[in-house]
Amino acid sequence: MRKKIVHDEYPWPEAGIKGFKKIADFLPKPEELVFRIKKEEVTLPVSEHSLAFYRKYAKKHNIAFEDMLGAILDAYAQHSAAK
């Protein structure tokens, strides 16, 4: 079995070593970084021509066309709400 390493022998900034400065923890908590947006599935009839266009464009940019359509609708709603 390995011996547990104890780091008491290492000089820490509290020991008064020049060039070290202790800073406060400024990073946000992980749960503050995750932006959860509630999503709801909808069924929307779309013409074959429009659907082919969006599928082709999504494939070109390597994204799912459903995600792209959702982003388009979100952008439209945000733009309309700003007026």
PDB file of N, CA and C in Angstrom:
ATOM      1  N   MET A   1       0.833  -1.174   0.000  1.00  0.00           N
ATOM      2  CA  MET A   1       0.000   0.000   0.000  1.00  0.00           C
ATOM      3  C   MET A   1       0.880   1.241   0.000  1.00  0.00           C
ATOM      4  N   ARG A   2       0.490   2.243  -0.773  1.00  0.00           N
ATOM      5  CA  ARG A   2       1.281   3.460  -0.857  1.00  0.00           C
ATOM      6  C   ARG A   2       1.085   4.342   0.368  1.00  0.00           C
ATOM      7  N   LYS A   3       2.135   5.065   0.662  1.00  0.00           N
ATOM      8  CA  LYS A   3       2.078   5.998   1.775  1.00  0.00           C
ATOM      9  C   LYS A   3       1.379   7.273   1.296  1.00  0.00           C
ATOM     10  N   LYS A   4       0.474   7.803   2.095  1.00  0.00           N
ATOM     11  CA  LYS A   4      -0.248   9.014   1.747  1.00  0.00           C
ATOM     12  C   LYS A   4       0.701  10.202   1.791  1.00  0.00           C
ATOM     13  N   ILE A   5       0.637  11.046   0.760  1.00  0.00           N
ATOM     14  CA  ILE A   5       1.519  12.208   0.679  1.00  0.00           C
ATOM     15  C   ILE A   5       0.945  13.334   1.523  1.00  0.00           C
ATOM     16  N   VAL A   6       1.783  13.889   2.361  1.00  0.00           N
ATOM     17  CA  VAL A   6       1.393  15.036   3.169  1.00  0.00           C
ATOM     18  C   VAL A   6       2.200  16.220   2.657  1.00  0.00           C
ATOM     19  N   HIS A   7       1.530  17.291   2.306  1.00  0.00           N
ATOM     20  CA  HIS A   7       2.195  18.431   1.686  1.00  0.00           C
ATOM     21  C   HIS A   7       2.591  19.510   2.682  1.00  0.00           C
ATOM     22  N   ASP A   8       2.858  19.140   3.904  1.00  0.00           N
ATOM     23  CA  ASP A   8       3.237  20.128   4.913  1.00  0.00           C
ATOM     24  C   ASP A   8       4.632  20.692   4.672  1.00  0.00           C
ATOM     25  N   GLU A   9       5.454  19.976   3.938  1.00  0.00           N
ATOM     26  CA  GLU A   9       6.842  20.424   3.754  1.00  0.00           C
ATOM     27  C   GLU A   9       6.977  21.472   2.645  1.00  0.00           C
ATOM     28  N   TYR A  10       5.902  21.727   1.886  1.00  0.00           N
ATOM     29  CA  TYR A  10       5.981  22.693   0.793  1.00  0.00           C
ATOM     30  C   TYR A  10       5.727  24.106   1.307  1.00  0.00           C
ATOM     31  N   PRO A  11       6.481  25.067   0.808  1.00  0.00           N
ATOM     32  CA  PRO A  11       6.280  26.449   1.261  1.00  0.00           C
ATOM     33  C   PRO A  11       5.031  27.056   0.612  1.00  0.00           C
ATOM     34  N   TRP A  12       4.137  27.535   1.397  1.00  0.00           N
ATOM     35  CA  TRP A  12       2.914  28.159   0.914  1.00  0.00           C
ATOM     36  C   TRP A  12       3.044  29.668   1.025  1.00  0.00           C
ATOM     37  N   PRO A  13       2.217  30.409   0.332  1.00  0.00           N
ATOM     38  CA  PRO A  13       2.286  31.873   0.374  1.00  0.00           C
ATOM     39  C   PRO A  13       2.197  32.429   1.785  1.00  0.00           C
ATOM     40  N   GLU A  14       1.505  31.737   2.670  1.00  0.00           N
ATOM     41  CA  GLU A  14       1.399  32.222   4.051  1.00  0.00           C
ATOM     42  C   GLU A  14       2.760  32.214   4.745  1.00  0.00           C
ATOM     43  N   ALA A  15       3.698  31.454   4.199  1.00  0.00           N
ATOM     44  CA  ALA A  15       5.010  31.361   4.824  1.00  0.00           C
ATOM     45  C   ALA A  15       5.850  32.613   4.581  1.00  0.00           C
ATOM     46  N   GLY A  16       5.358  33.554   3.796  1.00  0.00           N
ATOM     47  CA  GLY A  16       6.072  34.803   3.581  1.00  0.00           C
ATOM     48  C   GLY A  16       7.059  34.753   2.429  1.00  0.00           C
ATOM     49  N   ILE A  17       6.868  33.893   1.457  1.00  0.00           N
ATOM     50  CA  ILE A  17       7.762  33.808   0.314  1.00  0.00           C
ATOM     51  C   ILE A  17       7.468  34.979  -0.612  1.00  0.00           C
ATOM     52  N   LYS A  18       8.501  35.651  -1.057  1.00  0.00           N
ATOM     53  CA  LYS A  18       8.318  36.803  -1.945  1.00  0.00           C
ATOM     54  C   LYS A  18       7.793  36.351  -3.302  1.00  0.00           C
ATOM     55  N   GLY A  19       6.939  37.165  -3.906  1.00  0.00           N
ATOM     56  CA  GLY A  19       6.410  36.869  -5.220  1.00  0.00           C
ATOM     57  C   GLY A  19       5.080  36.134  -5.199  1.00  0.00           C
ATOM     58  N   PHE A  20       4.658  35.644  -4.054  1.00  0.00           N
ATOM     59  CA  PHE A  20       3.373  34.971  -3.940  1.00  0.00           C
ATOM     60  C   PHE A  20       2.367  35.906  -3.323  1.00  0.00           C
ATOM     61  N   LYS A  21       1.136  35.819  -3.842  1.00  0.00           N
ATOM     62  CA  LYS A  21       0.066  36.628  -3.280  1.00  0.00           C
ATOM     63  C   LYS A  21      -1.188  35.771  -3.272  1.00  0.00           C
ATOM     64  N   LYS A  22      -1.828  35.668  -2.138  1.00  0.00           N
ATOM     65  CA  LYS A  22      -3.037  34.886  -2.035  1.00  0.00           C
ATOM     66  C   LYS A  22      -4.209  35.740  -2.522  1.00  0.00           C
ATOM     67  N   ILE A  23      -5.037  35.147  -3.392  1.00  0.00           N
ATOM     68  CA  ILE A  23      -6.183  35.878  -3.907  1.00  0.00           C
ATOM     69  C   ILE A  23      -7.472  35.162  -3.491  1.00  0.00           C
ATOM     70  N   ALA A  24      -8.547  35.933  -3.466  1.00  0.00           N
ATOM     71  CA  ALA A  24      -9.839  35.355  -3.101  1.00  0.00           C
ATOM     72  C   ALA A  24     -10.348  34.472  -4.242  1.00  0.00           C
ATOM     73  N   ASP A  25     -11.164  33.521  -3.904  1.00  0.00           N
ATOM     74  CA  ASP A  25     -11.749  32.644  -4.905  1.00  0.00           C
ATOM     75  C   ASP A  25     -12.800  33.438  -5.670  1.00  0.00           C
ATOM     76  N   PHE A  26     -12.551  33.693  -6.958  1.00  0.00           N
ATOM     77  CA  PHE A  26     -13.435  34.533  -7.759  1.00  0.00           C
ATOM     78  C   PHE A  26     -14.277  33.737  -8.751  1.00  0.00           C
ATOM     79  N   LEU A  27     -14.067  32.448  -8.837  1.00  0.00           N
ATOM     80  CA  LEU A  27     -14.816  31.638  -9.795  1.00  0.00           C
ATOM     81  C   LEU A  27     -16.232  31.378  -9.282  1.00  0.00           C
ATOM     82  N   PRO A  28     -17.215  31.427 -10.176  1.00  0.00           N
ATOM     83  CA  PRO A  28     -18.585  31.135  -9.746  1.00  0.00           C
ATOM     84  C   PRO A  28     -18.761  29.647  -9.459  1.00  0.00           C
ATOM     85  N   LYS A  29     -19.794  29.332  -8.692  1.00  0.00           N
ATOM     86  CA  LYS A  29     -20.084  27.934  -8.391  1.00  0.00           C
ATOM     87  C   LYS A  29     -20.563  27.248  -9.663  1.00  0.00           C
ATOM     88  N   PRO A  30     -20.334  25.941  -9.808  1.00  0.00           N
ATOM     89  CA  PRO A  30     -20.751  25.234 -11.026  1.00  0.00           C
ATOM     90  C   PRO A  30     -22.239  25.386 -11.328  1.00  0.00           C
ATOM     91  N   GLU A  31     -23.081  25.383 -10.301  1.00  0.00           N
ATOM     92  CA  GLU A  31     -24.516  25.512 -10.558  1.00  0.00           C
ATOM     93  C   GLU A  31     -24.891  26.901 -11.074  1.00  0.00           C
ATOM     94  N   GLU A  32     -24.027  27.899 -10.857  1.00  0.00           N
ATOM     95  CA  GLU A  32     -24.268  29.240 -11.390  1.00  0.00           C
ATOM     96  C   GLU A  32     -23.857  29.338 -12.864  1.00  0.00           C
ATOM     97  N   LEU A  33     -23.051  28.398 -13.341  1.00  0.00           N
ATOM     98  CA  LEU A  33     -22.588  28.421 -14.725  1.00  0.00           C
ATOM     99  C   LEU A  33     -23.574  27.758 -15.680  1.00  0.00           C
ATOM    100  N   VAL A  34     -24.401  26.883 -15.165  1.00  0.00           N
ATOM    101  CA  VAL A  34     -25.323  26.135 -16.013  1.00  0.00           C
ATOM    102  C   VAL A  34     -26.603  26.937 -16.181  1.00  0.00           C
ATOM    103  N   PHE A  35     -26.902  27.286 -17.418  1.00  0.00           N
ATOM    104  CA  PHE A  35     -28.113  28.015 -17.718  1.00  0.00           C
ATOM    105  C   PHE A  35     -29.140  27.025 -18.236  1.00  0.00           C
ATOM    106  N   ARG A  36     -30.084  26.713 -17.409  1.00  0.00           N
ATOM    107  CA  ARG A  36     -31.113  25.758 -17.797  1.00  0.00           C
ATOM    108  C   ARG A  36     -32.296  26.519 -18.382  1.00  0.00           C
ATOM    109  N   ILE A  37     -32.595  26.199 -19.609  1.00  0.00           N
ATOM    110  CA  ILE A  37     -33.728  26.802 -20.287  1.00  0.00           C
ATOM    111  C   ILE A  37     -34.768  25.710 -20.466  1.00  0.00           C
ATOM    112  N   LYS A  38     -35.941  25.954 -19.938  1.00  0.00           N
ATOM    113  CA  LYS A  38     -37.003  24.972 -20.073  1.00  0.00           C
ATOM    114  C   LYS A  38     -37.442  24.927 -21.533  1.00  0.00           C
ATOM    115  N   LYS A  39     -37.451  23.730 -22.090  1.00  0.00           N
ATOM    116  CA  LYS A  39     -37.831  23.552 -23.481  1.00  0.00           C
ATOM    117  C   LYS A  39     -39.111  22.738 -23.555  1.00  0.00           C
ATOM    118  N   GLU A  40     -39.858  22.987 -24.595  1.00  0.00           N
ATOM    119  CA  GLU A  40     -41.096  22.268 -24.814  1.00  0.00           C
ATOM    120  C   GLU A  40     -41.143  21.830 -26.264  1.00  0.00           C
ATOM    121  N   GLU A  41     -41.542  20.594 -26.476  1.00  0.00           N
ATOM    122  CA  GLU A  41     -41.625  20.088 -27.843  1.00  0.00           C
ATOM    123  C   GLU A  41     -42.918  20.556 -28.490  1.00  0.00           C
ATOM    124  N   VAL A  42     -42.815  20.912 -29.770  1.00  0.00           N
ATOM    125  CA  VAL A  42     -43.984  21.319 -30.531  1.00  0.00           C
ATOM    126  C   VAL A  42     -44.002  20.577 -31.859  1.00  0.00           C
ATOM    127  N   THR A  43     -45.177  20.444 -32.399  1.00  0.00           N
ATOM    128  CA  THR A  43     -45.327  19.860 -33.727  1.00  0.00           C
ATOM    129  C   THR A  43     -45.724  20.994 -34.646  1.00  0.00           C
ATOM    130  N   LEU A  44     -44.966  21.160 -35.715  1.00  0.00           N
ATOM    131  CA  LEU A  44     -45.173  22.294 -36.601  1.00  0.00           C
ATOM    132  C   LEU A  44     -45.161  21.811 -38.048  1.00  0.00           C
ATOM    133  N   PRO A  45     -46.250  22.005 -38.760  1.00  0.00           N
ATOM    134  CA  PRO A  45     -46.233  21.612 -40.168  1.00  0.00           C
ATOM    135  C   PRO A  45     -45.391  22.597 -40.986  1.00  0.00           C
ATOM    136  N   VAL A  46     -44.433  22.062 -41.735  1.00  0.00           N
ATOM    137  CA  VAL A  46     -43.523  22.885 -42.535  1.00  0.00           C
ATOM    138  C   VAL A  46     -43.505  22.305 -43.951  1.00  0.00           C
ATOM    139  N   SER A  47     -43.424  23.172 -44.942  1.00  0.00           N
ATOM    140  CA  SER A  47     -43.397  22.690 -46.322  1.00  0.00           C
ATOM    141  C   SER A  47     -42.115  21.899 -46.579  1.00  0.00           C
ATOM    142  N   GLU A  48     -42.199  20.960 -47.510  1.00  0.00           N
ATOM    143  CA  GLU A  48     -41.040  20.131 -47.844  1.00  0.00           C
ATOM    144  C   GLU A  48     -39.879  20.978 -48.343  1.00  0.00           C
ATOM    145  N   HIS A  49     -40.184  22.014 -49.094  1.00  0.00           N
ATOM    146  CA  HIS A  49     -39.147  22.896 -49.635  1.00  0.00           C
ATOM    147  C   HIS A  49     -38.388  23.598 -48.496  1.00  0.00           C
ATOM    148  N   SER A  50     -39.134  24.147 -47.538  1.00  0.00           N
ATOM    149  CA  SER A  50     -38.499  24.833 -46.408  1.00  0.00           C
ATOM    150  C   SER A  50     -37.685  23.864 -45.565  1.00  0.00           C
ATOM    151  N   LEU A  51     -38.247  22.704 -45.312  1.00  0.00           N
ATOM    152  CA  LEU A  51     -37.558  21.711 -44.496  1.00  0.00           C
ATOM    153  C   LEU A  51     -36.273  21.248 -45.175  1.00  0.00           C
ATOM    154  N   ALA A  52     -36.312  21.044 -46.488  1.00  0.00           N
ATOM    155  CA  ALA A  52     -35.108  20.644 -47.226  1.00  0.00           C
ATOM    156  C   ALA A  52     -34.045  21.734 -47.145  1.00  0.00           C
ATOM    157  N   PHE A  53     -34.478  22.996 -47.240  1.00  0.00           N
ATOM    158  CA  PHE A  53     -33.541  24.114 -47.147  1.00  0.00           C
ATOM    159  C   PHE A  53     -32.847  24.123 -45.786  1.00  0.00           C
ATOM    160  N   TYR A  54     -33.628  24.022 -44.699  1.00  0.00           N
ATOM    161  CA  TYR A  54     -33.054  24.071 -43.351  1.00  0.00           C
ATOM    162  C   TYR A  54     -32.195  22.844 -43.060  1.00  0.00           C
ATOM    163  N   ARG A  55     -32.590  21.690 -43.545  1.00  0.00           N
ATOM    164  CA  ARG A  55     -31.765  20.493 -43.344  1.00  0.00           C
ATOM    165  C   ARG A  55     -30.426  20.624 -44.063  1.00  0.00           C
ATOM    166  N   LYS A  56     -30.458  21.147 -45.283  1.00  0.00           N
ATOM    167  CA  LYS A  56     -29.228  21.327 -46.049  1.00  0.00           C
ATOM    168  C   LYS A  56     -28.303  22.324 -45.348  1.00  0.00           C
ATOM    169  N   TYR A  57     -28.878  23.437 -44.887  1.00  0.00           N
ATOM    170  CA  TYR A  57     -28.092  24.474 -44.211  1.00  0.00           C
ATOM    171  C   TYR A  57     -27.518  23.950 -42.894  1.00  0.00           C
ATOM    172  N   ALA A  58     -28.306  23.193 -42.145  1.00  0.00           N
ATOM    173  CA  ALA A  58     -27.844  22.632 -40.877  1.00  0.00           C
ATOM    174  C   ALA A  58     -26.734  21.609 -41.103  1.00  0.00           C
ATOM    175  N   LYS A  59     -26.883  20.786 -42.137  1.00  0.00           N
ATOM    176  CA  LYS A  59     -25.847  19.793 -42.441  1.00  0.00           C
ATOM    177  C   LYS A  59     -24.542  20.478 -42.826  1.00  0.00           C
ATOM    178  N   LYS A  60     -24.652  21.576 -43.565  1.00  0.00           N
ATOM    179  CA  LYS A  60     -23.468  22.336 -43.980  1.00  0.00           C
ATOM    180  C   LYS A  60     -22.694  22.856 -42.772  1.00  0.00           C
ATOM    181  N   HIS A  61     -23.425  23.246 -41.721  1.00  0.00           N
ATOM    182  CA  HIS A  61     -22.795  23.796 -40.516  1.00  0.00           C
ATOM    183  C   HIS A  61     -22.664  22.769 -39.391  1.00  0.00           C
ATOM    184  N   ASN A  62     -22.962  21.507 -39.713  1.00  0.00           N
ATOM    185  CA  ASN A  62     -22.772  20.390 -38.785  1.00  0.00           C
ATOM    186  C   ASN A  62     -23.553  20.571 -37.473  1.00  0.00           C
ATOM    187  N   ILE A  63     -24.822  20.949 -37.592  1.00  0.00           N
ATOM    188  CA  ILE A  63     -25.698  21.056 -36.427  1.00  0.00           C
ATOM    189  C   ILE A  63     -27.016  20.366 -36.750  1.00  0.00           C
ATOM    190  N   ALA A  64     -27.749  20.016 -35.725  1.00  0.00           N
ATOM    191  CA  ALA A  64     -29.059  19.405 -35.928  1.00  0.00           C
ATOM    192  C   ALA A  64     -30.033  20.479 -36.408  1.00  0.00           C
ATOM    193  N   PHE A  65     -30.843  20.152 -37.400  1.00  0.00           N
ATOM    194  CA  PHE A  65     -31.725  21.174 -37.951  1.00  0.00           C
ATOM    195  C   PHE A  65     -32.802  21.577 -36.943  1.00  0.00           C
ATOM    196  N   GLU A  66     -33.156  20.665 -36.025  1.00  0.00           N
ATOM    197  CA  GLU A  66     -34.119  21.012 -34.983  1.00  0.00           C
ATOM    198  C   GLU A  66     -33.555  22.105 -34.081  1.00  0.00           C
ATOM    199  N   ASP A  67     -32.263  21.977 -33.730  1.00  0.00           N
ATOM    200  CA  ASP A  67     -31.621  22.998 -32.902  1.00  0.00           C
ATOM    201  C   ASP A  67     -31.538  24.329 -33.636  1.00  0.00           C
ATOM    202  N   MET A  68     -31.265  24.257 -34.935  1.00  0.00           N
ATOM    203  CA  MET A  68     -31.182  25.477 -35.723  1.00  0.00           C
ATOM    204  C   MET A  68     -32.541  26.162 -35.816  1.00  0.00           C
ATOM    205  N   LEU A  69     -33.593  25.387 -36.046  1.00  0.00           N
ATOM    206  CA  LEU A  69     -34.934  25.969 -36.105  1.00  0.00           C
ATOM    207  C   LEU A  69     -35.325  26.579 -34.754  1.00  0.00           C
ATOM    208  N   GLY A  70     -34.958  25.909 -33.682  1.00  0.00           N
ATOM    209  CA  GLY A  70     -35.224  26.454 -32.348  1.00  0.00           C
ATOM    210  C   GLY A  70     -34.495  27.765 -32.127  1.00  0.00           C
ATOM    211  N   ALA A  71     -33.235  27.840 -32.580  1.00  0.00           N
ATOM    212  CA  ALA A  71     -32.451  29.073 -32.438  1.00  0.00           C
ATOM    213  C   ALA A  71     -33.045  30.196 -33.277  1.00  0.00           C
ATOM    214  N   ILE A  72     -33.545  29.853 -34.470  1.00  0.00           N
ATOM    215  CA  ILE A  72     -34.177  30.863 -35.328  1.00  0.00           C
ATOM    216  C   ILE A  72     -35.428  31.416 -34.648  1.00  0.00           C
ATOM    217  N   LEU A  73     -36.249  30.515 -34.096  1.00  0.00           N
ATOM    218  CA  LEU A  73     -37.464  30.963 -33.408  1.00  0.00           C
ATOM    219  C   LEU A  73     -37.134  31.802 -32.168  1.00  0.00           C
ATOM    220  N   ASP A  74     -36.104  31.390 -31.416  1.00  0.00           N
ATOM    221  CA  ASP A  74     -35.688  32.165 -30.248  1.00  0.00           C
ATOM    222  C   ASP A  74     -35.209  33.552 -30.638  1.00  0.00           C
ATOM    223  N   ALA A  75     -34.401  33.637 -31.703  1.00  0.00           N
ATOM    224  CA  ALA A  75     -33.889  34.932 -32.159  1.00  0.00           C
ATOM    225  C   ALA A  75     -35.028  35.824 -32.628  1.00  0.00           C
ATOM    226  N   TYR A  76     -35.994  35.239 -33.337  1.00  0.00           N
ATOM    227  CA  TYR A  76     -37.145  36.014 -33.820  1.00  0.00           C
ATOM    228  C   TYR A  76     -37.963  36.541 -32.642  1.00  0.00           C
ATOM    229  N   ALA A  77     -38.207  35.687 -31.648  1.00  0.00           N
ATOM    230  CA  ALA A  77     -38.984  36.117 -30.487  1.00  0.00           C
ATOM    231  C   ALA A  77     -38.258  37.204 -29.706  1.00  0.00           C
ATOM    232  N   GLN A  78     -36.947  37.055 -29.563  1.00  0.00           N
ATOM    233  CA  GLN A  78     -36.173  38.055 -28.827  1.00  0.00           C
ATOM    234  C   GLN A  78     -36.165  39.376 -29.575  1.00  0.00           C
ATOM    235  N   HIS A  79     -36.032  39.336 -30.894  1.00  0.00           N
ATOM    236  CA  HIS A  79     -36.028  40.544 -31.714  1.00  0.00           C
ATOM    237  C   HIS A  79     -37.393  41.226 -31.660  1.00  0.00           C
ATOM    238  N   SER A  80     -38.462  40.443 -31.719  1.00  0.00           N
ATOM    239  CA  SER A  80     -39.811  40.998 -31.694  1.00  0.00           C
ATOM    240  C   SER A  80     -40.138  41.591 -30.334  1.00  0.00           C
ATOM    241  N   ALA A  81     -39.633  40.992 -29.266  1.00  0.00           N
ATOM    242  CA  ALA A  81     -39.901  41.485 -27.919  1.00  0.00           C
ATOM    243  C   ALA A  81     -39.169  42.795 -27.646  1.00  0.00           C
ATOM    244  N   ALA A  82     -38.066  43.032 -28.345  1.00  0.00           N
ATOM    245  CA  ALA A  82     -37.267  44.235 -28.134  1.00  0.00           C
ATOM    246  C   ALA A  82     -37.934  45.468 -28.721  1.00  0.00           C
ATOM    247  N   LYS A  83     -38.877  45.285 -29.622  1.00  0.00           N
ATOM    248  CA  LYS A  83     -39.531  46.428 -30.266  1.00  0.00           C
ATOM    249  C   LYS A  83     -40.571  47.052 -29.392  1.00  0.00           C
TER     250      LYS A  83
END
